[in-house]
N, C-alpha and C. Protein backbone atom coordinates (compact mmCIF):
# COMPACT_ATOMS: atom_id res chain seq x y z
N MET A 1 84.96 80.23 116.94
CA MET A 1 84.08 81.26 116.41
C MET A 1 84.67 82.65 116.70
N LYS A 2 85.25 82.82 117.90
CA LYS A 2 85.79 84.12 118.28
C LYS A 2 86.95 84.52 117.37
N ASN A 3 87.84 83.56 117.04
CA ASN A 3 88.95 83.85 116.15
C ASN A 3 88.46 84.21 114.76
N HIS A 4 87.37 83.57 114.33
CA HIS A 4 86.78 83.89 113.03
C HIS A 4 86.32 85.34 113.00
N LEU A 5 85.70 85.80 114.07
CA LEU A 5 85.23 87.17 114.13
C LEU A 5 86.39 88.16 114.12
N LYS A 6 87.49 87.82 114.80
CA LYS A 6 88.67 88.68 114.78
C LYS A 6 89.23 88.77 113.36
N PHE A 7 89.28 87.63 112.67
CA PHE A 7 89.78 87.62 111.31
C PHE A 7 88.90 88.48 110.40
N VAL A 8 87.59 88.36 110.53
CA VAL A 8 86.67 89.14 109.71
C VAL A 8 86.84 90.63 110.01
N ALA A 9 86.97 90.98 111.29
CA ALA A 9 87.15 92.38 111.66
C ALA A 9 88.46 92.92 111.10
N LEU A 10 89.53 92.16 111.22
CA LEU A 10 90.82 92.59 110.70
C LEU A 10 90.80 92.71 109.18
N ALA A 11 90.20 91.75 108.52
CA ALA A 11 90.10 91.80 107.05
C ALA A 11 89.27 93.00 106.61
N SER A 12 88.19 93.27 107.31
CA SER A 12 87.35 94.43 106.98
C SER A 12 88.11 95.73 107.17
N LEU A 13 88.83 95.84 108.28
CA LEU A 13 89.61 97.04 108.55
C LEU A 13 90.70 97.23 107.50
N THR A 14 91.37 96.15 107.14
CA THR A 14 92.42 96.22 106.14
C THR A 14 91.86 96.66 104.80
N ALA A 15 90.75 96.08 104.40
CA ALA A 15 90.12 96.46 103.14
C ALA A 15 89.70 97.92 103.16
N PHE A 16 89.15 98.36 104.27
CA PHE A 16 88.73 99.75 104.40
C PHE A 16 89.93 100.69 104.33
N ALA A 17 91.01 100.35 105.03
CA ALA A 17 92.21 101.19 105.01
C ALA A 17 92.80 101.26 103.61
N LEU A 18 92.80 100.13 102.88
CA LEU A 18 93.30 100.14 101.51
C LEU A 18 92.39 100.98 100.61
N TRP A 19 91.09 100.88 100.82
CA TRP A 19 90.14 101.66 100.04
C TRP A 19 90.37 103.15 100.26
N ILE A 20 90.56 103.55 101.52
CA ILE A 20 90.85 104.95 101.83
C ILE A 20 92.16 105.37 101.16
N GLY A 21 93.17 104.54 101.25
CA GLY A 21 94.47 104.86 100.66
C GLY A 21 94.40 105.01 99.16
N ILE A 22 93.71 104.10 98.49
CA ILE A 22 93.59 104.18 97.03
C ILE A 22 92.79 105.40 96.63
N GLY A 23 91.73 105.69 97.35
CA GLY A 23 90.92 106.88 97.06
C GLY A 23 91.71 108.15 97.25
N THR A 24 92.52 108.20 98.28
CA THR A 24 93.34 109.38 98.53
C THR A 24 94.37 109.56 97.44
N GLN A 25 94.99 108.47 96.99
CA GLN A 25 95.98 108.57 95.94
C GLN A 25 95.35 108.99 94.62
N ALA A 26 94.14 108.54 94.35
CA ALA A 26 93.48 108.89 93.10
C ALA A 26 93.10 110.36 93.07
N VAL A 27 92.75 110.92 94.22
CA VAL A 27 92.33 112.31 94.28
C VAL A 27 93.50 113.26 94.15
N SER A 28 94.63 112.90 94.75
CA SER A 28 95.76 113.82 94.77
C SER A 28 97.07 113.09 94.60
N ALA A 29 97.87 113.57 93.64
CA ALA A 29 99.18 112.98 93.42
C ALA A 29 100.27 113.79 94.10
N LYS A 30 99.90 114.87 94.78
CA LYS A 30 100.91 115.70 95.44
C LYS A 30 101.47 114.99 96.67
N ALA A 31 102.56 115.50 97.18
CA ALA A 31 103.21 114.90 98.35
C ALA A 31 102.27 114.93 99.55
N SER A 32 102.35 113.88 100.34
CA SER A 32 101.51 113.81 101.53
C SER A 32 102.01 114.80 102.58
N PRO A 33 101.13 115.20 103.50
CA PRO A 33 101.57 116.09 104.58
C PRO A 33 102.71 115.49 105.40
N ALA A 34 102.69 114.17 105.59
CA ALA A 34 103.77 113.52 106.34
C ALA A 34 105.10 113.70 105.61
N ALA A 35 105.07 113.54 104.30
CA ALA A 35 106.30 113.71 103.52
C ALA A 35 106.75 115.16 103.54
N ALA A 36 105.81 116.08 103.43
CA ALA A 36 106.16 117.50 103.42
C ALA A 36 106.71 117.96 104.77
N ALA A 37 106.30 117.29 105.84
CA ALA A 37 106.72 117.69 107.18
C ALA A 37 107.93 116.90 107.66
N GLY A 38 108.62 116.24 106.78
CA GLY A 38 109.79 115.47 107.20
C GLY A 38 109.43 114.16 107.87
N PHE A 39 108.29 113.59 107.54
CA PHE A 39 107.82 112.29 108.01
C PHE A 39 107.37 112.28 109.46
N GLY A 40 107.15 113.42 110.07
CA GLY A 40 106.60 113.47 111.42
C GLY A 40 107.38 112.61 112.40
N PRO A 41 106.68 111.77 113.17
CA PRO A 41 107.38 110.97 114.18
C PRO A 41 108.18 109.82 113.57
N CYS A 42 108.09 109.65 112.25
CA CYS A 42 108.78 108.53 111.61
C CYS A 42 110.07 108.94 110.91
N TYR A 43 110.49 110.19 111.06
CA TYR A 43 111.73 110.71 110.48
C TYR A 43 111.90 110.28 109.03
N ASP A 44 112.91 109.48 108.73
CA ASP A 44 113.19 109.12 107.33
C ASP A 44 112.52 107.83 106.89
N GLN A 45 111.45 107.45 107.54
CA GLN A 45 110.73 106.21 107.22
C GLN A 45 109.46 106.54 106.43
N ARG A 46 109.63 106.79 105.14
CA ARG A 46 108.52 107.24 104.30
C ARG A 46 107.32 106.29 104.34
N ASN A 47 107.55 105.00 104.21
CA ASN A 47 106.43 104.04 104.18
C ASN A 47 105.67 104.01 105.50
N MET A 48 106.41 104.06 106.61
CA MET A 48 105.76 104.07 107.92
C MET A 48 104.96 105.37 108.10
N ALA A 49 105.53 106.48 107.65
CA ALA A 49 104.84 107.77 107.77
C ALA A 49 103.56 107.77 106.95
N GLU A 50 103.63 107.23 105.74
CA GLU A 50 102.43 107.17 104.90
C GLU A 50 101.39 106.22 105.48
N ALA A 51 101.84 105.10 106.03
CA ALA A 51 100.91 104.17 106.68
C ALA A 51 100.21 104.85 107.85
N LEU A 52 100.97 105.60 108.63
CA LEU A 52 100.41 106.30 109.78
C LEU A 52 99.38 107.33 109.33
N GLU A 53 99.72 108.04 108.26
CA GLU A 53 98.78 109.03 107.72
C GLU A 53 97.48 108.36 107.27
N HIS A 54 97.59 107.24 106.58
CA HIS A 54 96.39 106.52 106.11
C HIS A 54 95.57 105.99 107.29
N LEU A 55 96.24 105.53 108.32
CA LEU A 55 95.52 105.07 109.51
C LEU A 55 94.74 106.21 110.16
N HIS A 56 95.34 107.39 110.21
CA HIS A 56 94.62 108.55 110.76
C HIS A 56 93.42 108.91 109.88
N GLN A 57 93.57 108.79 108.57
CA GLN A 57 92.45 109.07 107.67
C GLN A 57 91.34 108.04 107.86
N ALA A 58 91.73 106.78 108.02
CA ALA A 58 90.74 105.73 108.26
C ALA A 58 90.01 105.97 109.57
N ARG A 59 90.73 106.40 110.60
CA ARG A 59 90.12 106.68 111.90
C ARG A 59 89.11 107.81 111.78
N ALA A 60 89.46 108.85 111.02
CA ALA A 60 88.54 109.97 110.83
C ALA A 60 87.29 109.53 110.07
N ALA A 61 87.46 108.66 109.09
CA ALA A 61 86.30 108.16 108.34
C ALA A 61 85.39 107.32 109.24
N LEU A 62 85.99 106.52 110.11
CA LEU A 62 85.19 105.73 111.05
C LEU A 62 84.43 106.64 112.00
N ASP A 63 85.04 107.74 112.41
CA ASP A 63 84.34 108.70 113.27
C ASP A 63 83.13 109.29 112.57
N ARG A 64 83.23 109.47 111.26
CA ARG A 64 82.13 110.06 110.49
C ARG A 64 81.05 109.05 110.14
N ALA A 65 81.33 107.76 110.28
CA ALA A 65 80.35 106.72 109.93
C ALA A 65 79.08 106.92 110.76
N GLU A 66 77.95 106.65 110.16
CA GLU A 66 76.67 106.98 110.78
C GLU A 66 76.23 106.05 111.90
N HIS A 67 76.42 104.77 111.72
CA HIS A 67 75.89 103.82 112.71
C HIS A 67 77.00 102.89 113.19
N ASN A 68 76.74 102.24 114.32
CA ASN A 68 77.71 101.32 114.89
C ASN A 68 77.72 99.98 114.17
N LYS A 69 76.70 99.67 113.43
CA LYS A 69 76.62 98.43 112.65
C LYS A 69 76.85 97.18 113.51
N GLY A 70 76.11 97.08 114.57
CA GLY A 70 76.18 95.89 115.42
C GLY A 70 77.48 95.74 116.19
N GLY A 71 78.16 96.83 116.44
CA GLY A 71 79.40 96.78 117.20
C GLY A 71 80.65 96.77 116.35
N TRP A 72 80.52 96.56 115.05
CA TRP A 72 81.69 96.48 114.17
C TRP A 72 82.42 97.82 114.07
N ARG A 73 81.69 98.91 114.07
CA ARG A 73 82.33 100.23 113.99
C ARG A 73 83.20 100.46 115.22
N ASP A 74 82.68 100.18 116.39
CA ASP A 74 83.46 100.34 117.62
C ASP A 74 84.70 99.45 117.60
N ASN A 75 84.54 98.21 117.13
CA ASN A 75 85.69 97.30 117.04
C ASN A 75 86.72 97.82 116.06
N ALA A 76 86.27 98.34 114.93
CA ALA A 76 87.19 98.88 113.92
C ALA A 76 87.92 100.11 114.46
N ILE A 77 87.21 100.94 115.23
CA ILE A 77 87.86 102.12 115.83
C ILE A 77 88.94 101.68 116.81
N ARG A 78 88.64 100.70 117.65
CA ARG A 78 89.64 100.21 118.59
C ARG A 78 90.84 99.60 117.86
N ALA A 79 90.57 98.84 116.81
CA ALA A 79 91.65 98.22 116.05
C ALA A 79 92.50 99.28 115.34
N THR A 80 91.86 100.31 114.83
CA THR A 80 92.59 101.39 114.15
C THR A 80 93.43 102.17 115.16
N ASP A 81 92.85 102.46 116.32
CA ASP A 81 93.62 103.14 117.36
C ASP A 81 94.84 102.32 117.76
N ASN A 82 94.66 101.01 117.86
CA ASN A 82 95.78 100.13 118.20
C ASN A 82 96.83 100.14 117.08
N ALA A 83 96.38 100.11 115.83
CA ALA A 83 97.31 100.13 114.70
C ALA A 83 98.10 101.44 114.68
N ILE A 84 97.44 102.55 114.99
CA ILE A 84 98.13 103.85 115.06
C ILE A 84 99.19 103.79 116.15
N HIS A 85 98.81 103.30 117.32
CA HIS A 85 99.74 103.21 118.44
C HIS A 85 100.95 102.34 118.09
N GLU A 86 100.68 101.17 117.50
CA GLU A 86 101.77 100.25 117.16
C GLU A 86 102.68 100.83 116.08
N THR A 87 102.11 101.54 115.12
CA THR A 87 102.93 102.16 114.06
C THR A 87 103.80 103.26 114.65
N GLU A 88 103.23 104.08 115.53
CA GLU A 88 104.02 105.12 116.19
C GLU A 88 105.13 104.50 117.04
N HIS A 89 104.80 103.40 117.72
CA HIS A 89 105.80 102.71 118.54
C HIS A 89 106.92 102.16 117.65
N GLY A 90 106.55 101.58 116.51
CA GLY A 90 107.55 101.06 115.57
C GLY A 90 108.47 102.16 115.07
N CYS A 91 107.89 103.33 114.78
CA CYS A 91 108.72 104.47 114.34
C CYS A 91 109.67 104.90 115.46
N ALA A 92 109.17 104.95 116.67
CA ALA A 92 110.01 105.37 117.81
C ALA A 92 111.18 104.40 118.02
N VAL A 93 110.91 103.11 117.89
CA VAL A 93 111.97 102.12 118.05
C VAL A 93 113.01 102.28 116.95
N ALA A 94 112.56 102.45 115.72
CA ALA A 94 113.48 102.61 114.59
C ALA A 94 114.26 103.92 114.65
N ASN A 95 113.70 104.92 115.31
CA ASN A 95 114.35 106.24 115.38
C ASN A 95 115.47 106.27 116.43
N ARG A 96 115.58 105.26 117.26
CA ARG A 96 116.58 105.26 118.33
C ARG A 96 117.98 105.16 117.79
């Protein structure tokens, strides 16, 4: 049962992150801030930089969410924070 809940949480977070990403792309076709700034901590890794940017946008949206929804919001925030950390770590390893 516990693994099922992890899968549901991960699937929900992934769907939410994709929804944020698609909405952002539909609103603006201009270059992302990460691209304009030389990809930030990801240097020449455009896809990683864009993923990191979308994760930060998802984290901000979760912060704005009104209710905890039975603990799912807190779990999604923790998972998003972990995804941000792991993406930054991946960029750092690739930048060596």
